[in-house]
N, C-alpha and C. Protein backbone atom coordinates (compact mmCIF):
# COMPACT_ATOMS: atom_id res chain seq x y z
N MET A 1 -7.85 22.94 210.74
CA MET A 1 -8.33 23.74 211.84
C MET A 1 -7.17 24.56 212.40
N THR A 2 -7.51 25.77 212.78
CA THR A 2 -6.50 26.64 213.38
C THR A 2 -6.50 26.47 214.89
N GLN A 3 -5.55 27.14 215.52
CA GLN A 3 -5.44 27.04 216.97
C GLN A 3 -6.68 27.62 217.66
N ARG A 4 -7.27 28.67 217.09
CA ARG A 4 -8.47 29.27 217.69
C ARG A 4 -9.66 28.33 217.61
N ASP A 5 -9.76 27.61 216.48
CA ASP A 5 -10.85 26.65 216.37
C ASP A 5 -10.72 25.56 217.42
N TRP A 6 -9.50 25.11 217.64
CA TRP A 6 -9.29 24.07 218.65
C TRP A 6 -9.63 24.61 220.03
N ASP A 7 -9.26 25.83 220.31
CA ASP A 7 -9.57 26.41 221.61
C ASP A 7 -11.08 26.48 221.83
N LYS A 8 -11.84 26.85 220.80
CA LYS A 8 -13.30 26.89 220.91
C LYS A 8 -13.87 25.50 221.16
N GLU A 9 -13.37 24.52 220.43
CA GLU A 9 -13.87 23.14 220.59
C GLU A 9 -13.57 22.63 222.00
N LEU A 10 -12.37 22.87 222.48
CA LEU A 10 -12.01 22.41 223.82
C LEU A 10 -12.81 23.14 224.89
N ALA A 11 -13.15 24.41 224.68
CA ALA A 11 -13.98 25.16 225.63
C ALA A 11 -15.37 24.55 225.71
N LYS A 12 -15.93 24.13 224.56
CA LYS A 12 -17.24 23.48 224.55
C LYS A 12 -17.19 22.17 225.34
N ILE A 13 -16.13 21.40 225.13
CA ILE A 13 -16.00 20.11 225.85
C ILE A 13 -15.88 20.37 227.34
N ASP A 14 -15.13 21.39 227.75
CA ASP A 14 -14.99 21.71 229.16
C ASP A 14 -16.34 22.08 229.78
N LYS A 15 -17.18 22.85 229.07
CA LYS A 15 -18.51 23.22 229.56
C LYS A 15 -19.38 21.98 229.76
N GLN A 16 -19.32 21.06 228.78
CA GLN A 16 -20.13 19.85 228.89
C GLN A 16 -19.67 19.00 230.07
N LEU A 17 -18.37 18.88 230.28
CA LEU A 17 -17.87 18.10 231.41
C LEU A 17 -18.22 18.75 232.73
N ALA A 18 -18.24 20.07 232.78
CA ALA A 18 -18.58 20.76 234.02
C ALA A 18 -20.05 20.57 234.38
N SER A 19 -20.91 20.37 233.39
CA SER A 19 -22.34 20.23 233.67
C SER A 19 -22.71 18.83 234.16
N ILE A 20 -21.80 17.87 234.04
CA ILE A 20 -22.09 16.48 234.44
C ILE A 20 -21.43 16.22 235.79
N SER A 21 -22.18 15.56 236.70
CA SER A 21 -21.60 15.24 238.00
C SER A 21 -20.60 14.10 237.86
N ASP A 22 -19.75 13.98 238.86
CA ASP A 22 -18.72 12.93 238.82
C ASP A 22 -19.33 11.53 238.82
N ASP A 23 -20.43 11.34 239.54
CA ASP A 23 -21.07 10.02 239.59
C ASP A 23 -21.64 9.61 238.24
N GLU A 24 -22.17 10.57 237.52
CA GLU A 24 -22.69 10.26 236.19
C GLU A 24 -21.58 10.06 235.17
N LEU A 25 -20.47 10.74 235.40
CA LEU A 25 -19.36 10.68 234.46
C LEU A 25 -18.64 9.34 234.52
N LEU A 26 -18.41 8.83 235.72
CA LEU A 26 -17.69 7.57 235.89
C LEU A 26 -18.69 6.46 236.19
N PRO A 27 -18.86 5.50 235.27
CA PRO A 27 -19.78 4.40 235.56
C PRO A 27 -19.19 3.49 236.63
N THR A 28 -20.07 2.85 237.38
CA THR A 28 -19.60 1.95 238.43
C THR A 28 -19.05 0.68 237.78
N ALA A 29 -17.95 0.18 238.32
CA ALA A 29 -17.29 -1.00 237.75
C ALA A 29 -18.00 -2.27 238.17
N ALA A 30 -18.63 -2.26 239.33
CA ALA A 30 -19.29 -3.46 239.83
C ALA A 30 -20.74 -3.11 240.14
N PRO A 31 -21.62 -4.10 240.17
CA PRO A 31 -23.00 -3.82 240.53
C PRO A 31 -23.06 -3.31 241.97
N ALA A 32 -24.02 -2.47 242.21
CA ALA A 32 -24.15 -1.88 243.54
C ALA A 32 -24.44 -2.97 244.57
N ALA A 33 -23.89 -2.76 245.77
CA ALA A 33 -24.13 -3.71 246.85
C ALA A 33 -25.58 -3.60 247.29
N PRO A 34 -26.16 -4.71 247.72
CA PRO A 34 -27.55 -4.66 248.17
C PRO A 34 -27.70 -3.71 249.35
N PRO A 35 -28.85 -3.04 249.47
CA PRO A 35 -29.03 -2.11 250.57
C PRO A 35 -28.97 -2.84 251.91
N GLY A 36 -28.40 -2.16 252.88
CA GLY A 36 -28.33 -2.73 254.21
C GLY A 36 -27.09 -3.58 254.44
N THR A 37 -26.19 -3.69 253.47
CA THR A 37 -24.99 -4.51 253.68
C THR A 37 -23.85 -3.68 254.24
N GLY A 38 -24.00 -2.37 254.24
CA GLY A 38 -22.95 -1.52 254.77
C GLY A 38 -21.81 -1.30 253.79
N MET A 39 -21.94 -1.78 252.57
CA MET A 39 -20.90 -1.62 251.56
C MET A 39 -21.11 -0.29 250.84
N PRO A 40 -20.03 0.40 250.51
CA PRO A 40 -20.19 1.65 249.77
C PRO A 40 -20.76 1.39 248.38
N ARG A 41 -21.32 2.44 247.80
CA ARG A 41 -21.91 2.33 246.48
C ARG A 41 -20.82 2.02 245.45
N GLY A 42 -21.09 1.09 244.52
CA GLY A 42 -20.15 0.75 243.46
C GLY A 42 -19.20 -0.38 243.84
N VAL A 43 -19.27 -0.88 245.06
CA VAL A 43 -18.41 -1.97 245.49
C VAL A 43 -19.25 -3.24 245.54
N ALA A 44 -18.77 -4.28 244.91
CA ALA A 44 -19.52 -5.54 244.88
C ALA A 44 -19.42 -6.22 246.23
N ALA A 45 -20.48 -6.89 246.60
CA ALA A 45 -20.49 -7.63 247.86
C ALA A 45 -19.59 -8.85 247.72
N PRO A 46 -18.90 -9.27 248.79
CA PRO A 46 -18.03 -10.44 248.71
C PRO A 46 -18.86 -11.71 248.50
N PRO A 47 -18.26 -12.75 247.90
CA PRO A 47 -19.03 -13.98 247.69
C PRO A 47 -19.38 -14.64 249.01
N VAL A 48 -20.48 -15.33 249.04
CA VAL A 48 -20.97 -16.00 250.23
C VAL A 48 -20.23 -17.32 250.39
N ARG A 49 -19.74 -17.58 251.61
CA ARG A 49 -19.03 -18.83 251.85
C ARG A 49 -20.01 -20.00 251.79
N GLY A 50 -19.52 -21.09 251.23
CA GLY A 50 -20.34 -22.29 251.16
C GLY A 50 -21.29 -22.30 249.98
N ALA A 51 -21.32 -21.23 249.20
CA ALA A 51 -22.19 -21.20 248.03
C ALA A 51 -21.59 -22.07 246.94
N ALA A 52 -22.44 -22.74 246.21
CA ALA A 52 -21.98 -23.61 245.13
C ALA A 52 -21.41 -22.75 244.01
N PRO A 53 -20.30 -23.19 243.43
CA PRO A 53 -19.76 -22.41 242.30
C PRO A 53 -20.71 -22.45 241.12
N ALA A 54 -20.65 -21.42 240.34
CA ALA A 54 -21.53 -21.34 239.17
C ALA A 54 -21.18 -22.45 238.19
N ALA A 55 -22.19 -23.02 237.57
CA ALA A 55 -21.96 -24.08 236.60
C ALA A 55 -21.24 -23.52 235.38
N VAL A 56 -20.48 -24.38 234.71
CA VAL A 56 -19.75 -23.95 233.52
C VAL A 56 -20.77 -23.71 232.42
N ALA A 57 -20.67 -22.55 231.84
CA ALA A 57 -21.60 -22.19 230.78
C ALA A 57 -21.37 -23.07 229.55
N PRO A 58 -22.42 -23.39 228.80
CA PRO A 58 -22.24 -24.22 227.62
C PRO A 58 -21.29 -23.61 226.61
N SER A 59 -21.29 -22.28 226.47
CA SER A 59 -20.37 -21.66 225.51
C SER A 59 -18.93 -21.87 225.95
N ASN A 60 -18.67 -21.88 227.25
CA ASN A 60 -17.33 -22.12 227.75
C ASN A 60 -16.91 -23.56 227.47
N ARG A 61 -17.82 -24.50 227.64
CA ARG A 61 -17.51 -25.90 227.33
C ARG A 61 -17.19 -26.05 225.85
N LYS A 62 -17.98 -25.37 225.04
CA LYS A 62 -17.75 -25.46 223.59
C LYS A 62 -16.39 -24.87 223.23
N ALA A 63 -16.04 -23.75 223.85
CA ALA A 63 -14.76 -23.13 223.57
C ALA A 63 -13.60 -24.02 224.03
N LYS A 64 -13.75 -24.67 225.18
CA LYS A 64 -12.70 -25.59 225.65
C LYS A 64 -12.59 -26.80 224.72
N TRP A 65 -13.72 -27.31 224.26
CA TRP A 65 -13.69 -28.44 223.33
C TRP A 65 -13.01 -28.03 222.03
N TRP A 66 -13.29 -26.83 221.56
CA TRP A 66 -12.68 -26.33 220.32
C TRP A 66 -11.16 -26.17 220.50
N ALA A 67 -10.74 -25.65 221.65
CA ALA A 67 -9.31 -25.50 221.92
C ALA A 67 -8.64 -26.87 221.99
N PHE A 68 -9.31 -27.84 222.59
CA PHE A 68 -8.75 -29.19 222.66
C PHE A 68 -8.68 -29.82 221.27
N SER A 69 -9.65 -29.54 220.41
CA SER A 69 -9.62 -30.05 219.03
C SER A 69 -8.44 -29.46 218.27
N LYS A 70 -8.20 -28.17 218.45
CA LYS A 70 -7.05 -27.53 217.81
C LYS A 70 -5.75 -28.18 218.28
N LEU A 71 -5.68 -28.44 219.58
CA LEU A 71 -4.50 -29.06 220.15
C LEU A 71 -4.28 -30.45 219.57
N THR A 72 -5.35 -31.20 219.41
CA THR A 72 -5.23 -32.54 218.84
C THR A 72 -4.69 -32.49 217.42
N VAL A 73 -5.20 -31.58 216.62
CA VAL A 73 -4.70 -31.43 215.24
C VAL A 73 -3.22 -31.06 215.26
N ALA A 74 -2.84 -30.15 216.14
CA ALA A 74 -1.45 -29.70 216.21
C ALA A 74 -0.53 -30.83 216.63
N VAL A 75 -0.93 -31.61 217.63
CA VAL A 75 -0.07 -32.70 218.10
C VAL A 75 0.07 -33.78 217.04
N VAL A 76 -1.03 -34.14 216.38
CA VAL A 76 -0.95 -35.15 215.32
C VAL A 76 -0.04 -34.67 214.19
N ALA A 77 -0.16 -33.41 213.81
CA ALA A 77 0.71 -32.86 212.77
C ALA A 77 2.16 -32.81 213.24
N GLY A 78 2.38 -32.42 214.48
CA GLY A 78 3.73 -32.30 215.02
C GLY A 78 4.44 -33.64 215.13
N VAL A 79 3.71 -34.68 215.50
CA VAL A 79 4.31 -36.00 215.58
C VAL A 79 4.47 -36.59 214.19
N GLY A 80 3.47 -36.40 213.35
CA GLY A 80 3.51 -36.98 212.01
C GLY A 80 4.60 -36.42 211.12
N ILE A 81 4.98 -35.17 211.32
CA ILE A 81 5.98 -34.56 210.45
C ILE A 81 7.34 -35.21 210.63
N TRP A 82 7.61 -35.75 211.81
CA TRP A 82 8.91 -36.38 212.03
C TRP A 82 9.01 -37.73 211.34
N PHE A 83 7.92 -38.24 210.79
CA PHE A 83 7.94 -39.48 210.02
C PHE A 83 7.70 -39.19 208.55
N TRP A 84 8.32 -38.13 208.04
CA TRP A 84 8.18 -37.71 206.64
C TRP A 84 8.60 -38.87 205.75
N PRO A 85 7.76 -39.29 204.81
CA PRO A 85 8.04 -40.53 204.08
C PRO A 85 9.05 -40.41 202.94
N TRP A 86 9.44 -39.21 202.53
CA TRP A 86 10.33 -39.09 201.38
C TRP A 86 11.68 -38.56 201.82
N ALA A 87 12.71 -38.99 201.12
CA ALA A 87 14.04 -38.44 201.39
C ALA A 87 14.04 -36.99 200.92
N ALA A 88 14.36 -36.10 201.82
CA ALA A 88 14.24 -34.67 201.51
C ALA A 88 15.62 -34.03 201.43
N ARG A 89 16.46 -34.53 200.53
CA ARG A 89 17.80 -33.95 200.41
C ARG A 89 17.79 -32.71 199.54
N CYS A 90 16.90 -32.65 198.56
CA CYS A 90 16.90 -31.51 197.65
C CYS A 90 15.59 -31.50 196.86
N GLY A 91 15.38 -30.41 196.18
CA GLY A 91 14.26 -30.32 195.25
C GLY A 91 12.89 -30.24 195.89
N LEU A 92 11.92 -30.83 195.20
CA LEU A 92 10.52 -30.75 195.62
C LEU A 92 10.25 -31.43 196.97
N PRO A 93 10.84 -32.61 197.26
CA PRO A 93 10.61 -33.17 198.60
C PRO A 93 11.12 -32.26 199.72
N LEU A 94 12.22 -31.59 199.49
CA LEU A 94 12.74 -30.66 200.48
C LEU A 94 11.80 -29.48 200.67
N ALA A 95 11.30 -28.93 199.58
CA ALA A 95 10.34 -27.82 199.67
C ALA A 95 9.08 -28.27 200.40
N GLY A 96 8.63 -29.49 200.13
CA GLY A 96 7.46 -30.01 200.83
C GLY A 96 7.69 -30.16 202.32
N LEU A 97 8.88 -30.66 202.69
CA LEU A 97 9.19 -30.85 204.10
C LEU A 97 9.30 -29.51 204.83
N VAL A 98 9.94 -28.54 204.23
CA VAL A 98 10.07 -27.22 204.86
C VAL A 98 8.69 -26.56 204.97
N SER A 99 7.87 -26.70 203.94
CA SER A 99 6.52 -26.13 203.99
C SER A 99 5.68 -26.82 205.06
N ALA A 100 5.77 -28.14 205.14
CA ALA A 100 5.00 -28.87 206.14
C ALA A 100 5.49 -28.54 207.55
N GLY A 101 6.79 -28.38 207.73
CA GLY A 101 7.31 -27.99 209.04
C GLY A 101 6.84 -26.61 209.44
N SER A 102 6.80 -25.70 208.48
CA SER A 102 6.29 -24.35 208.76
C SER A 102 4.80 -24.41 209.11
N LEU A 103 4.06 -25.25 208.42
CA LEU A 103 2.64 -25.40 208.70
C LEU A 103 2.43 -25.98 210.10
N VAL A 104 3.28 -26.90 210.52
CA VAL A 104 3.18 -27.46 211.87
C VAL A 104 3.39 -26.35 212.90
N ALA A 105 4.38 -25.49 212.68
CA ALA A 105 4.61 -24.38 213.61
C ALA A 105 3.40 -23.45 213.65
N LEU A 106 2.81 -23.17 212.50
CA LEU A 106 1.63 -22.29 212.46
C LEU A 106 0.42 -22.93 213.14
N VAL A 107 0.23 -24.23 212.95
CA VAL A 107 -0.88 -24.92 213.62
C VAL A 107 -0.64 -24.92 215.13
N GLY A 108 0.62 -25.04 215.54
CA GLY A 108 0.94 -24.95 216.97
C GLY A 108 0.61 -23.59 217.53
N ILE A 109 0.89 -22.54 216.77
CA ILE A 109 0.55 -21.18 217.21
C ILE A 109 -0.97 -21.02 217.31
N TRP A 110 -1.67 -21.54 216.33
CA TRP A 110 -3.15 -21.51 216.32
C TRP A 110 -3.69 -22.20 217.57
N SER A 111 -3.12 -23.35 217.88
CA SER A 111 -3.54 -24.09 219.06
C SER A 111 -3.18 -23.35 220.34
N ALA A 112 -2.00 -22.74 220.36
CA ALA A 112 -1.56 -22.03 221.56
C ALA A 112 -2.48 -20.87 221.90
N PHE A 113 -2.97 -20.16 220.89
CA PHE A 113 -3.90 -19.07 221.16
C PHE A 113 -5.18 -19.60 221.82
N GLY A 114 -5.70 -20.70 221.31
CA GLY A 114 -6.93 -21.26 221.88
C GLY A 114 -6.74 -21.76 223.30
N THR A 115 -5.63 -22.45 223.55
CA THR A 115 -5.41 -22.98 224.89
C THR A 115 -5.09 -21.86 225.88
N TRP A 116 -4.46 -20.79 225.41
CA TRP A 116 -4.17 -19.65 226.29
C TRP A 116 -5.46 -18.96 226.70
N ARG A 117 -6.35 -18.75 225.73
CA ARG A 117 -7.62 -18.07 226.03
C ARG A 117 -8.47 -18.86 227.01
N GLN A 118 -8.41 -20.19 226.93
CA GLN A 118 -9.23 -21.03 227.79
C GLN A 118 -8.53 -21.40 229.09
N ARG A 119 -7.35 -20.86 229.31
CA ARG A 119 -6.59 -21.10 230.54
C ARG A 119 -6.33 -22.60 230.75
N MET A 120 -5.93 -23.27 229.69
CA MET A 120 -5.61 -24.70 229.75
C MET A 120 -4.08 -24.81 229.78
N GLY A 121 -3.51 -24.80 230.99
CA GLY A 121 -2.06 -24.69 231.17
C GLY A 121 -1.26 -25.81 230.52
N ARG A 122 -1.59 -27.05 230.85
CA ARG A 122 -0.83 -28.19 230.29
C ARG A 122 -1.00 -28.28 228.78
N ALA A 123 -2.20 -28.03 228.32
CA ALA A 123 -2.45 -28.05 226.88
C ALA A 123 -1.67 -26.94 226.19
N HIS A 124 -1.54 -25.81 226.83
CA HIS A 124 -0.78 -24.70 226.25
C HIS A 124 0.70 -25.08 226.13
N LEU A 125 1.24 -25.73 227.16
CA LEU A 125 2.63 -26.19 227.09
C LEU A 125 2.83 -27.18 225.94
N LEU A 126 1.86 -28.04 225.73
CA LEU A 126 1.94 -28.99 224.63
C LEU A 126 1.90 -28.26 223.29
N SER A 127 1.11 -27.21 223.19
CA SER A 127 1.08 -26.40 221.98
C SER A 127 2.43 -25.74 221.73
N LEU A 128 3.05 -25.26 222.79
CA LEU A 128 4.37 -24.65 222.64
C LEU A 128 5.40 -25.67 222.19
N LEU A 129 5.29 -26.91 222.67
CA LEU A 129 6.21 -27.96 222.21
C LEU A 129 6.01 -28.25 220.72
N VAL A 130 4.78 -28.20 220.26
CA VAL A 130 4.51 -28.39 218.83
C VAL A 130 5.16 -27.27 218.02
N ILE A 131 5.06 -26.04 218.51
CA ILE A 131 5.69 -24.92 217.82
C ILE A 131 7.20 -25.13 217.73
N VAL A 132 7.81 -25.50 218.85
CA VAL A 132 9.25 -25.73 218.88
C VAL A 132 9.62 -26.87 217.94
N SER A 133 8.80 -27.90 217.90
CA SER A 133 9.06 -29.04 217.01
C SER A 133 9.09 -28.61 215.55
N GLY A 134 8.12 -27.80 215.14
CA GLY A 134 8.09 -27.32 213.76
C GLY A 134 9.25 -26.42 213.43
N VAL A 135 9.61 -25.55 214.37
CA VAL A 135 10.72 -24.62 214.14
C VAL A 135 12.04 -25.39 214.05
N VAL A 136 12.22 -26.38 214.92
CA VAL A 136 13.46 -27.18 214.89
C VAL A 136 13.57 -27.94 213.58
N LEU A 137 12.47 -28.50 213.12
CA LEU A 137 12.51 -29.25 211.86
C LEU A 137 12.88 -28.33 210.70
N VAL A 138 12.29 -27.16 210.63
CA VAL A 138 12.59 -26.24 209.55
C VAL A 138 14.04 -25.75 209.67
N ALA A 139 14.48 -25.43 210.88
CA ALA A 139 15.85 -24.95 211.07
C ALA A 139 16.86 -26.03 210.70
N ARG A 140 16.54 -27.28 211.00
CA ARG A 140 17.44 -28.39 210.68
C ARG A 140 17.68 -28.51 209.19
N GLU A 141 16.69 -28.16 208.40
CA GLU A 141 16.82 -28.27 206.95
C GLU A 141 17.33 -26.98 206.31
N VAL A 142 16.96 -25.84 206.86
CA VAL A 142 17.29 -24.57 206.22
C VAL A 142 18.68 -24.08 206.58
N LEU A 143 19.07 -24.17 207.84
CA LEU A 143 20.32 -23.57 208.27
C LEU A 143 21.56 -24.08 207.53
N PRO A 144 21.70 -25.39 207.26
CA PRO A 144 22.88 -25.80 206.49
C PRO A 144 22.87 -25.25 205.06
N ARG A 145 21.70 -25.02 204.52
CA ARG A 145 21.60 -24.56 203.13
C ARG A 145 21.83 -23.06 202.97
N VAL A 146 21.74 -22.33 204.07
CA VAL A 146 22.02 -20.90 204.00
C VAL A 146 23.40 -20.57 204.54
N GLY A 147 24.16 -21.60 204.89
CA GLY A 147 25.53 -21.41 205.32
C GLY A 147 25.73 -21.15 206.79
N TYR A 148 24.70 -21.33 207.61
CA TYR A 148 24.83 -21.05 209.03
C TYR A 148 25.31 -22.27 209.81
N ALA A 149 24.93 -23.46 209.37
CA ALA A 149 25.33 -24.69 210.06
C ALA A 149 26.13 -25.55 209.11
N TYR A 150 26.79 -26.56 209.67
CA TYR A 150 27.59 -27.46 208.84
C TYR A 150 26.69 -28.36 208.03
N GLU A 151 27.11 -28.63 206.82
CA GLU A 151 26.34 -29.55 205.99
C GLU A 151 26.72 -30.97 206.34
N SER A 152 25.81 -31.88 206.05
CA SER A 152 26.07 -33.29 206.27
C SER A 152 25.60 -34.05 205.04
N PHE A 153 25.75 -35.36 205.09
CA PHE A 153 25.31 -36.17 203.95
C PHE A 153 23.80 -36.04 203.75
N ASP A 154 23.06 -36.01 204.85
CA ASP A 154 21.60 -35.89 204.76
C ASP A 154 21.16 -34.49 204.36
N ARG A 155 21.93 -33.48 204.73
CA ARG A 155 21.58 -32.10 204.44
C ARG A 155 22.72 -31.40 203.73
N PRO A 156 22.85 -31.65 202.42
CA PRO A 156 23.92 -30.95 201.68
C PRO A 156 23.57 -29.47 201.55
N ALA A 157 24.58 -28.69 201.24
CA ALA A 157 24.39 -27.24 201.18
C ALA A 157 23.85 -26.80 199.82
N ARG A 158 22.78 -27.40 199.37
CA ARG A 158 22.15 -26.97 198.12
C ARG A 158 20.65 -27.23 198.21
N TRP A 159 19.91 -26.43 197.46
CA TRP A 159 18.45 -26.54 197.46
C TRP A 159 17.95 -27.42 196.32
N THR A 160 18.60 -27.35 195.19
CA THR A 160 18.13 -28.08 194.02
C THR A 160 18.92 -29.36 193.84
N CYS A 161 18.31 -30.30 193.16
CA CYS A 161 18.98 -31.56 192.88
C CYS A 161 19.79 -31.38 191.59
N GLN A 162 21.06 -31.61 191.67
CA GLN A 162 21.92 -31.49 190.50
C GLN A 162 22.31 -32.89 190.07
N ALA A 163 22.47 -33.06 188.76
CA ALA A 163 22.90 -34.36 188.26
C ALA A 163 24.31 -34.60 188.74
N GLU A 164 24.52 -35.75 189.33
CA GLU A 164 25.84 -36.09 189.83
C GLU A 164 26.71 -36.45 188.64
N THR A 165 27.85 -35.81 188.51
CA THR A 165 28.77 -36.13 187.42
C THR A 165 29.79 -37.12 187.94
N PRO A 166 30.06 -38.17 187.16
CA PRO A 166 31.06 -39.14 187.63
C PRO A 166 32.45 -38.49 187.64
N ALA A 167 33.26 -38.97 188.52
CA ALA A 167 34.62 -38.43 188.63
C ALA A 167 35.37 -38.70 187.34
N ALA A 168 36.03 -37.70 186.82
CA ALA A 168 36.77 -37.86 185.56
C ALA A 168 38.00 -38.71 185.81
N SER A 169 38.27 -39.65 184.87
CA SER A 169 39.46 -40.48 185.00
C SER A 169 40.67 -39.65 184.60
N PRO A 170 41.81 -39.90 185.21
CA PRO A 170 42.98 -39.10 184.86
C PRO A 170 43.39 -39.32 183.41
N ALA A 171 43.82 -38.25 182.79
CA ALA A 171 44.25 -38.33 181.39
C ALA A 171 45.59 -39.06 181.32
N PRO A 172 45.75 -39.88 180.27
CA PRO A 172 47.03 -40.60 180.16
C PRO A 172 48.16 -39.61 179.85
N VAL A 173 49.28 -39.89 180.44
CA VAL A 173 50.45 -39.05 180.23
C VAL A 173 51.12 -39.54 178.94
N THR A 174 51.39 -38.64 178.02
CA THR A 174 52.02 -39.03 176.77
C THR A 174 53.43 -38.44 176.67
N GLY A 175 54.24 -39.09 175.94
CA GLY A 175 55.59 -38.59 175.69
C GLY A 175 56.65 -39.21 176.56
N ALA A 176 56.28 -39.72 177.67
CA ALA A 176 57.28 -40.33 178.56
C ALA A 176 57.05 -41.83 178.55
N PRO A 177 58.09 -42.62 178.39
CA PRO A 177 57.90 -44.06 178.44
C PRO A 177 57.53 -44.52 179.86
N ALA A 178 56.78 -45.58 179.91
CA ALA A 178 56.29 -46.07 181.20
C ALA A 178 57.41 -46.55 182.09
N GLY A 179 58.43 -47.17 181.53
CA GLY A 179 59.49 -47.74 182.36
C GLY A 179 60.70 -46.89 182.47
N ALA A 180 60.77 -45.71 181.90
CA ALA A 180 62.02 -44.94 181.89
C ALA A 180 62.27 -44.22 183.13
């Protein structure tokens, strides 16, 4: 489209907007106040004091139950990962532990979204602790192997299991007498 085509299109839009009143153009954000309340049009009437709060909708209960179920899965996974049954110094057990730790962090994120949407404050904090738990576990295993942290006996600076070679015995010295 050229500049003239755009000018024509914008002129048409301006004509259409000019033909519509402001009240029709902007929808009201709140239901109109009942007649005789003295409230301007488009402003919701204030809540009545002493009125019983609205009952929790069944869909809201279901959503809260679902968020709590996610949280339960995340907490069980987060606690269970710290009791990993295999020595994870290298190889496949290490890959399994790092993958499981990453999965715990992802399940914590999944749970955190649900608890945030349902405004479950304490449950959300617990979800965040699960995320931190998974991240700490993965960092504890990965950082020494990428050279960022010091290695230890439990976390050597290697990913694969290498066959341990026995220390070579010193070669005998020849040519010199033992007692000379």
